[in-house]
N, C-alpha and C. Protein backbone atom coordinates (compact mmCIF):
# COMPACT_ATOMS: atom_id res chain seq x y z
N MET A 1 19.21 39.97 -2.56
CA MET A 1 17.81 39.77 -2.88
C MET A 1 17.37 38.37 -2.45
N LYS A 2 16.25 38.31 -1.80
CA LYS A 2 15.74 37.01 -1.41
C LYS A 2 14.68 36.55 -2.40
N SER A 3 14.42 35.26 -2.38
CA SER A 3 13.44 34.73 -3.33
C SER A 3 12.24 34.12 -2.62
N THR A 4 12.02 34.55 -1.39
CA THR A 4 10.82 34.14 -0.67
C THR A 4 10.04 35.40 -0.32
N PRO A 5 8.74 35.27 -0.14
CA PRO A 5 7.94 36.46 0.19
C PRO A 5 8.39 37.09 1.51
N SER A 6 8.24 38.40 1.59
CA SER A 6 8.54 39.12 2.83
C SER A 6 7.64 38.59 3.95
N LEU A 7 8.00 38.88 5.17
CA LEU A 7 7.23 38.39 6.31
C LEU A 7 5.77 38.86 6.28
N PRO A 8 5.50 40.17 6.03
CA PRO A 8 4.08 40.57 5.97
C PRO A 8 3.31 39.83 4.88
N LEU A 9 3.93 39.67 3.72
CA LEU A 9 3.26 38.96 2.63
C LEU A 9 3.08 37.49 2.97
N SER A 10 4.07 36.86 3.55
CA SER A 10 3.96 35.45 3.95
C SER A 10 2.85 35.25 4.96
N ARG A 11 2.77 36.15 5.92
CA ARG A 11 1.70 36.04 6.93
C ARG A 11 0.33 36.16 6.29
N TYR A 12 0.19 37.11 5.39
CA TYR A 12 -1.10 37.30 4.72
C TYR A 12 -1.45 36.08 3.88
N LEU A 13 -0.49 35.57 3.13
CA LEU A 13 -0.73 34.40 2.29
C LEU A 13 -1.11 33.18 3.12
N SER A 14 -0.56 33.07 4.31
CA SER A 14 -0.82 31.88 5.12
C SER A 14 -2.15 31.92 5.86
N GLN A 15 -2.84 33.06 5.86
CA GLN A 15 -4.16 33.14 6.46
C GLN A 15 -5.16 32.47 5.54
N LYS A 16 -5.77 31.41 6.01
CA LYS A 16 -6.72 30.68 5.16
C LYS A 16 -7.99 31.48 4.90
N SER A 17 -8.48 32.14 5.89
CA SER A 17 -9.62 33.05 5.73
C SER A 17 -9.72 33.89 6.99
N ARG A 18 -10.41 34.99 6.85
CA ARG A 18 -10.59 35.85 8.02
C ARG A 18 -11.83 35.40 8.75
N PRO A 19 -11.77 35.37 10.09
CA PRO A 19 -12.92 34.87 10.85
C PRO A 19 -14.16 35.75 10.72
N ASP A 20 -13.98 37.03 10.38
CA ASP A 20 -15.13 37.93 10.32
C ASP A 20 -15.90 37.85 9.00
N ARG A 21 -15.35 37.17 7.99
CA ARG A 21 -16.07 37.02 6.72
C ARG A 21 -15.38 35.98 5.85
N PRO A 22 -16.14 35.35 4.96
CA PRO A 22 -15.50 34.40 4.04
C PRO A 22 -14.59 35.15 3.07
N PRO A 23 -13.58 34.47 2.54
CA PRO A 23 -12.67 35.16 1.63
C PRO A 23 -13.36 35.56 0.33
N ASN A 24 -13.09 36.74 -0.12
CA ASN A 24 -13.57 37.26 -1.39
C ASN A 24 -12.34 37.40 -2.27
N PRO A 25 -12.31 36.78 -3.44
CA PRO A 25 -11.08 36.78 -4.24
C PRO A 25 -10.57 38.18 -4.60
N THR A 26 -11.47 39.09 -4.94
CA THR A 26 -11.04 40.43 -5.30
C THR A 26 -10.40 41.14 -4.10
N THR A 27 -11.06 41.06 -2.96
CA THR A 27 -10.52 41.69 -1.76
C THR A 27 -9.22 41.03 -1.34
N TYR A 28 -9.17 39.72 -1.42
CA TYR A 28 -7.96 38.99 -1.05
C TYR A 28 -6.77 39.42 -1.91
N ILE A 29 -6.98 39.55 -3.20
CA ILE A 29 -5.92 39.97 -4.11
C ILE A 29 -5.53 41.43 -3.85
N LYS A 30 -6.52 42.31 -3.71
CA LYS A 30 -6.22 43.73 -3.48
C LYS A 30 -5.43 43.92 -2.19
N GLU A 31 -5.87 43.29 -1.12
CA GLU A 31 -5.18 43.42 0.17
C GLU A 31 -3.79 42.79 0.11
N GLY A 32 -3.66 41.66 -0.55
CA GLY A 32 -2.37 41.00 -0.66
C GLY A 32 -1.40 41.78 -1.51
N ALA A 33 -1.89 42.39 -2.58
CA ALA A 33 -1.02 43.14 -3.50
C ALA A 33 -0.37 44.32 -2.80
N VAL A 34 -1.07 44.94 -1.88
CA VAL A 34 -0.53 46.08 -1.14
C VAL A 34 0.72 45.66 -0.36
N LEU A 35 0.79 44.40 0.04
CA LEU A 35 1.91 43.90 0.83
C LEU A 35 3.11 43.49 -0.02
N VAL A 36 2.94 43.45 -1.34
CA VAL A 36 4.03 43.05 -2.22
C VAL A 36 5.04 44.19 -2.31
N SER A 37 6.20 43.96 -1.77
CA SER A 37 7.25 44.98 -1.70
C SER A 37 8.15 44.91 -2.95
N PRO A 38 8.97 45.93 -3.16
CA PRO A 38 9.95 45.84 -4.25
C PRO A 38 10.86 44.61 -4.11
N GLU A 39 11.19 44.26 -2.89
CA GLU A 39 12.01 43.06 -2.67
C GLU A 39 11.26 41.80 -3.07
N ASP A 40 9.95 41.77 -2.81
CA ASP A 40 9.13 40.63 -3.23
C ASP A 40 9.11 40.52 -4.75
N LEU A 41 8.97 41.66 -5.42
CA LEU A 41 8.96 41.66 -6.89
C LEU A 41 10.28 41.12 -7.43
N ALA A 42 11.39 41.55 -6.84
CA ALA A 42 12.70 41.07 -7.27
C ALA A 42 12.86 39.58 -6.97
N GLY A 43 12.36 39.15 -5.83
CA GLY A 43 12.45 37.74 -5.47
C GLY A 43 11.62 36.87 -6.39
N LEU A 44 10.42 37.35 -6.75
CA LEU A 44 9.58 36.57 -7.65
C LEU A 44 10.23 36.43 -9.01
N ARG A 45 10.92 37.45 -9.43
CA ARG A 45 11.61 37.36 -10.73
C ARG A 45 12.55 36.16 -10.76
N LYS A 46 13.23 35.91 -9.65
CA LYS A 46 14.12 34.75 -9.55
C LYS A 46 13.34 33.43 -9.55
N LEU A 47 12.10 33.49 -9.09
CA LEU A 47 11.28 32.28 -8.97
C LEU A 47 10.46 31.96 -10.21
N LEU A 48 10.52 32.81 -11.23
CA LEU A 48 9.70 32.57 -12.42
C LEU A 48 9.94 31.21 -13.07
N PRO A 49 11.18 30.69 -13.12
CA PRO A 49 11.35 29.34 -13.66
C PRO A 49 10.57 28.29 -12.85
N GLU A 50 10.50 28.47 -11.54
CA GLU A 50 9.73 27.54 -10.71
C GLU A 50 8.23 27.67 -10.98
N VAL A 51 7.76 28.90 -11.18
CA VAL A 51 6.35 29.11 -11.51
C VAL A 51 6.03 28.39 -12.82
N SER A 52 6.88 28.59 -13.82
CA SER A 52 6.67 27.95 -15.12
C SER A 52 6.72 26.44 -15.02
N ALA A 53 7.65 25.92 -14.23
CA ALA A 53 7.76 24.47 -14.07
C ALA A 53 6.52 23.90 -13.39
N LYS A 54 6.03 24.58 -12.36
CA LYS A 54 4.82 24.10 -11.67
C LYS A 54 3.61 24.17 -12.61
N ALA A 55 3.52 25.24 -13.38
CA ALA A 55 2.41 25.37 -14.33
C ALA A 55 2.47 24.26 -15.38
N ALA A 56 3.67 23.93 -15.82
CA ALA A 56 3.83 22.88 -16.84
C ALA A 56 3.36 21.52 -16.33
N ARG A 57 3.36 21.33 -15.02
CA ARG A 57 2.92 20.05 -14.45
C ARG A 57 1.41 19.95 -14.29
N ILE A 58 0.68 21.01 -14.61
CA ILE A 58 -0.78 20.98 -14.52
C ILE A 58 -1.31 20.14 -15.68
N THR A 59 -1.94 19.04 -15.36
CA THR A 59 -2.47 18.16 -16.41
C THR A 59 -3.99 18.22 -16.51
N ASP A 60 -4.65 18.73 -15.49
CA ASP A 60 -6.11 18.75 -15.47
C ASP A 60 -6.73 19.92 -16.21
N SER A 61 -5.95 20.99 -16.43
CA SER A 61 -6.54 22.18 -17.02
C SER A 61 -5.52 22.92 -17.88
N GLU A 62 -5.63 22.72 -19.18
CA GLU A 62 -4.77 23.45 -20.10
C GLU A 62 -5.06 24.94 -20.01
N ARG A 63 -6.32 25.29 -19.80
CA ARG A 63 -6.72 26.69 -19.67
C ARG A 63 -6.01 27.36 -18.50
N LEU A 64 -5.97 26.73 -17.34
CA LEU A 64 -5.28 27.30 -16.19
C LEU A 64 -3.79 27.43 -16.48
N ARG A 65 -3.21 26.41 -17.06
CA ARG A 65 -1.79 26.44 -17.38
C ARG A 65 -1.47 27.61 -18.32
N ARG A 66 -2.26 27.80 -19.35
CA ARG A 66 -2.03 28.90 -20.30
C ARG A 66 -2.19 30.26 -19.61
N ARG A 67 -3.13 30.36 -18.72
CA ARG A 67 -3.37 31.63 -18.04
C ARG A 67 -2.24 31.97 -17.06
N ILE A 68 -1.72 30.97 -16.40
CA ILE A 68 -0.57 31.21 -15.53
C ILE A 68 0.63 31.61 -16.38
N ASP A 69 0.80 30.96 -17.51
CA ASP A 69 1.89 31.34 -18.43
C ASP A 69 1.75 32.78 -18.89
N LEU A 70 0.52 33.21 -19.16
CA LEU A 70 0.26 34.58 -19.60
C LEU A 70 0.63 35.57 -18.49
N LEU A 71 0.22 35.29 -17.26
CA LEU A 71 0.56 36.17 -16.14
C LEU A 71 2.06 36.20 -15.90
N THR A 72 2.70 35.05 -16.04
CA THR A 72 4.15 34.97 -15.85
C THR A 72 4.87 35.80 -16.91
N LEU A 73 4.43 35.70 -18.15
CA LEU A 73 5.04 36.46 -19.22
C LEU A 73 4.86 37.96 -18.99
N PHE A 74 3.67 38.37 -18.61
CA PHE A 74 3.42 39.79 -18.30
C PHE A 74 4.36 40.26 -17.19
N PHE A 75 4.45 39.48 -16.12
CA PHE A 75 5.31 39.88 -15.01
C PHE A 75 6.76 40.00 -15.46
N ARG A 76 7.24 39.03 -16.19
CA ARG A 76 8.63 39.04 -16.67
C ARG A 76 8.90 40.26 -17.55
N GLU A 77 8.00 40.55 -18.48
CA GLU A 77 8.23 41.62 -19.44
C GLU A 77 7.96 43.02 -18.86
N SER A 78 7.21 43.09 -17.80
CA SER A 78 6.85 44.41 -17.25
C SER A 78 7.75 44.83 -16.10
N GLN A 79 8.89 44.19 -15.94
CA GLN A 79 9.75 44.48 -14.81
C GLN A 79 10.20 45.93 -14.74
N SER A 80 10.37 46.60 -15.85
CA SER A 80 10.84 47.98 -15.84
C SER A 80 9.76 48.95 -15.38
N GLN A 81 8.53 48.47 -15.25
CA GLN A 81 7.43 49.35 -14.85
C GLN A 81 7.34 49.53 -13.34
N GLY A 82 8.23 48.89 -12.60
CA GLY A 82 8.22 49.05 -11.14
C GLY A 82 7.05 48.34 -10.50
N GLY A 83 6.57 48.90 -9.41
CA GLY A 83 5.53 48.26 -8.62
C GLY A 83 4.14 48.75 -8.93
N THR A 84 3.73 48.67 -10.19
CA THR A 84 2.37 49.07 -10.53
C THR A 84 1.38 48.17 -9.82
N THR A 85 0.18 48.67 -9.64
CA THR A 85 -0.86 47.88 -8.99
C THR A 85 -1.09 46.58 -9.73
N GLU A 86 -1.14 46.64 -11.06
CA GLU A 86 -1.36 45.42 -11.85
C GLU A 86 -0.23 44.42 -11.61
N ARG A 87 0.96 44.90 -11.62
CA ARG A 87 2.13 44.02 -11.43
C ARG A 87 2.12 43.42 -10.03
N GLN A 88 1.76 44.21 -9.03
CA GLN A 88 1.71 43.71 -7.66
C GLN A 88 0.60 42.67 -7.50
N GLU A 89 -0.55 42.90 -8.12
CA GLU A 89 -1.63 41.92 -8.03
C GLU A 89 -1.24 40.61 -8.70
N ILE A 90 -0.63 40.71 -9.85
CA ILE A 90 -0.22 39.50 -10.56
C ILE A 90 0.89 38.79 -9.80
N ALA A 91 1.81 39.54 -9.23
CA ALA A 91 2.86 38.94 -8.40
C ALA A 91 2.25 38.20 -7.21
N PHE A 92 1.27 38.81 -6.58
CA PHE A 92 0.61 38.17 -5.44
C PHE A 92 0.01 36.83 -5.85
N VAL A 93 -0.69 36.82 -6.97
CA VAL A 93 -1.33 35.59 -7.43
C VAL A 93 -0.29 34.54 -7.80
N LEU A 94 0.81 34.95 -8.41
CA LEU A 94 1.87 33.99 -8.75
C LEU A 94 2.53 33.43 -7.48
N PHE A 95 2.74 34.26 -6.47
CA PHE A 95 3.24 33.76 -5.19
C PHE A 95 2.26 32.75 -4.59
N TYR A 96 0.98 33.08 -4.63
CA TYR A 96 -0.04 32.17 -4.09
C TYR A 96 0.04 30.82 -4.80
N PHE A 97 0.10 30.85 -6.11
CA PHE A 97 0.17 29.63 -6.90
C PHE A 97 1.43 28.83 -6.57
N LEU A 98 2.54 29.50 -6.48
CA LEU A 98 3.82 28.81 -6.31
C LEU A 98 4.06 28.31 -4.89
N LYS A 99 3.75 29.11 -3.93
CA LYS A 99 4.20 28.84 -2.56
C LYS A 99 3.31 27.91 -1.75
N GLY A 100 2.19 27.49 -2.27
CA GLY A 100 1.38 26.49 -1.59
C GLY A 100 0.67 26.96 -0.33
N TYR A 101 0.29 28.22 -0.29
CA TYR A 101 -0.49 28.74 0.84
C TYR A 101 -1.98 28.53 0.53
N ASP A 102 -2.31 27.37 0.08
CA ASP A 102 -3.63 27.12 -0.50
C ASP A 102 -4.75 26.96 0.52
N ILE A 103 -5.89 27.50 0.14
CA ILE A 103 -7.13 27.23 0.88
C ILE A 103 -7.53 25.78 0.60
N ILE A 104 -7.36 25.36 -0.65
CA ILE A 104 -7.58 23.96 -1.04
C ILE A 104 -6.21 23.41 -1.44
N PRO A 105 -5.69 22.43 -0.73
CA PRO A 105 -4.36 21.89 -1.07
C PRO A 105 -4.33 21.35 -2.50
N ASP A 106 -3.25 21.68 -3.22
CA ASP A 106 -3.10 21.25 -4.60
C ASP A 106 -3.13 19.73 -4.76
N SER A 107 -2.79 19.03 -3.71
CA SER A 107 -2.69 17.57 -3.78
C SER A 107 -4.05 16.86 -3.83
N ILE A 108 -5.14 17.58 -3.62
CA ILE A 108 -6.46 16.96 -3.68
C ILE A 108 -6.85 16.79 -5.14
N PRO A 109 -7.02 15.54 -5.59
CA PRO A 109 -7.35 15.31 -7.01
C PRO A 109 -8.62 16.05 -7.44
N LYS A 110 -8.60 16.55 -8.64
CA LYS A 110 -9.71 17.20 -9.33
C LYS A 110 -10.05 18.60 -8.82
N ILE A 111 -9.86 18.89 -7.53
CA ILE A 111 -10.26 20.20 -7.02
C ILE A 111 -9.10 20.99 -6.41
N GLY A 112 -7.93 20.42 -6.35
CA GLY A 112 -6.81 21.06 -5.66
C GLY A 112 -6.36 22.39 -6.22
N LEU A 113 -6.65 22.64 -7.49
CA LEU A 113 -6.23 23.90 -8.10
C LEU A 113 -7.38 24.90 -8.26
N LEU A 114 -8.55 24.59 -7.68
CA LEU A 114 -9.69 25.49 -7.84
C LEU A 114 -9.43 26.87 -7.24
N ASP A 115 -8.82 26.90 -6.05
CA ASP A 115 -8.55 28.20 -5.44
C ASP A 115 -7.53 28.98 -6.26
N ASP A 116 -6.52 28.30 -6.77
CA ASP A 116 -5.53 28.96 -7.63
C ASP A 116 -6.22 29.50 -8.89
N ALA A 117 -7.07 28.68 -9.50
CA ALA A 117 -7.77 29.08 -10.72
C ALA A 117 -8.67 30.29 -10.47
N LEU A 118 -9.33 30.32 -9.33
CA LEU A 118 -10.20 31.45 -9.00
C LEU A 118 -9.38 32.74 -8.89
N LEU A 119 -8.24 32.67 -8.25
CA LEU A 119 -7.40 33.87 -8.12
C LEU A 119 -6.81 34.29 -9.47
N VAL A 120 -6.40 33.31 -10.27
CA VAL A 120 -5.86 33.62 -11.60
C VAL A 120 -6.94 34.30 -12.45
N GLU A 121 -8.15 33.75 -12.45
CA GLU A 121 -9.25 34.35 -13.22
C GLU A 121 -9.56 35.76 -12.73
N THR A 122 -9.58 35.94 -11.44
CA THR A 122 -9.86 37.26 -10.87
C THR A 122 -8.79 38.26 -11.26
N ALA A 123 -7.52 37.85 -11.18
CA ALA A 123 -6.41 38.75 -11.56
C ALA A 123 -6.49 39.10 -13.04
N LEU A 124 -6.80 38.12 -13.88
CA LEU A 124 -6.93 38.39 -15.32
C LEU A 124 -8.06 39.38 -15.59
N HIS A 125 -9.18 39.15 -14.95
CA HIS A 125 -10.33 40.03 -15.15
C HIS A 125 -10.02 41.45 -14.66
N ARG A 126 -9.46 41.55 -13.46
CA ARG A 126 -9.18 42.86 -12.87
C ARG A 126 -8.15 43.65 -13.67
N ASN A 127 -7.23 42.96 -14.30
CA ASN A 127 -6.10 43.62 -14.96
C ASN A 127 -6.12 43.46 -16.48
N GLN A 128 -7.29 43.14 -17.02
CA GLN A 128 -7.41 42.88 -18.44
C GLN A 128 -6.94 44.04 -19.31
N GLU A 129 -7.27 45.24 -18.92
CA GLU A 129 -6.88 46.41 -19.71
C GLU A 129 -5.35 46.55 -19.76
N ALA A 130 -4.69 46.40 -18.64
CA ALA A 130 -3.22 46.50 -18.60
C ALA A 130 -2.58 45.38 -19.40
N LEU A 131 -3.13 44.18 -19.30
CA LEU A 131 -2.58 43.05 -20.04
C LEU A 131 -2.74 43.27 -21.55
N ARG A 132 -3.92 43.70 -21.97
CA ARG A 132 -4.15 43.95 -23.40
C ARG A 132 -3.24 45.07 -23.91
N SER A 133 -3.07 46.10 -23.12
CA SER A 133 -2.19 47.21 -23.50
C SER A 133 -0.74 46.74 -23.62
N HIS A 134 -0.35 45.89 -22.69
CA HIS A 134 1.01 45.33 -22.71
C HIS A 134 1.24 44.55 -24.00
N TRP A 135 0.27 43.72 -24.37
CA TRP A 135 0.39 42.93 -25.60
C TRP A 135 0.41 43.85 -26.81
N ALA A 136 -0.46 44.84 -26.83
CA ALA A 136 -0.52 45.76 -27.97
C ALA A 136 0.79 46.55 -28.12
N ALA A 137 1.38 46.96 -27.02
CA ALA A 137 2.63 47.71 -27.06
C ALA A 137 3.76 46.87 -27.65
N ARG A 138 3.63 45.57 -27.58
CA ARG A 138 4.64 44.66 -28.14
C ARG A 138 4.20 44.10 -29.50
N GLN A 139 3.14 44.69 -30.03
CA GLN A 139 2.59 44.33 -31.33
C GLN A 139 2.26 42.84 -31.42
N ARG A 140 1.67 42.35 -30.34
CA ARG A 140 1.21 40.97 -30.31
C ARG A 140 -0.30 40.98 -30.14
N VAL A 141 -0.94 39.95 -30.63
CA VAL A 141 -2.38 39.80 -30.47
C VAL A 141 -2.64 39.12 -29.14
N PHE A 142 -3.49 39.75 -28.34
CA PHE A 142 -3.84 39.17 -27.07
C PHE A 142 -4.68 37.91 -27.33
N PRO A 143 -4.42 36.82 -26.63
CA PRO A 143 -5.18 35.58 -26.88
C PRO A 143 -6.70 35.82 -26.80
N SER A 144 -7.41 35.28 -27.75
CA SER A 144 -8.86 35.54 -27.85
C SER A 144 -9.69 34.82 -26.80
N ASP A 145 -9.13 33.81 -26.16
CA ASP A 145 -9.94 33.05 -25.19
C ASP A 145 -9.77 33.56 -23.76
N TYR A 146 -9.41 34.82 -23.61
CA TYR A 146 -9.26 35.38 -22.26
C TYR A 146 -10.32 36.37 -21.96
């Protein structure tokens, strides 16, 4: 098992935008999720400590950090569900966050995580029902600020 994205996924992640239209977060996530292979899912599982460590270093936005933690927890706990659309979309966003294929480089003060935050928010919104169901199945209360 490898812990880096597959070649098709890496190529897609490295495209900053398509020349025929500006990037749309929903479309970007949907198209990227289709490229997430079972090997990518297994590789991301190995990378979850790195995702958590990078999230822990976010000092500008506690909200973003908590949301990445929520997506990471969902991904970790939903591993037995295989390659569901929700899991693939969340995996795509976590790869984007971790691997630095940023439209806005993370190193730019104050705005470097805006693209990551936009994708995290979009993934949360798109997959809210699955996330809430996941929490309910584990008899946990879904955080109220989501």
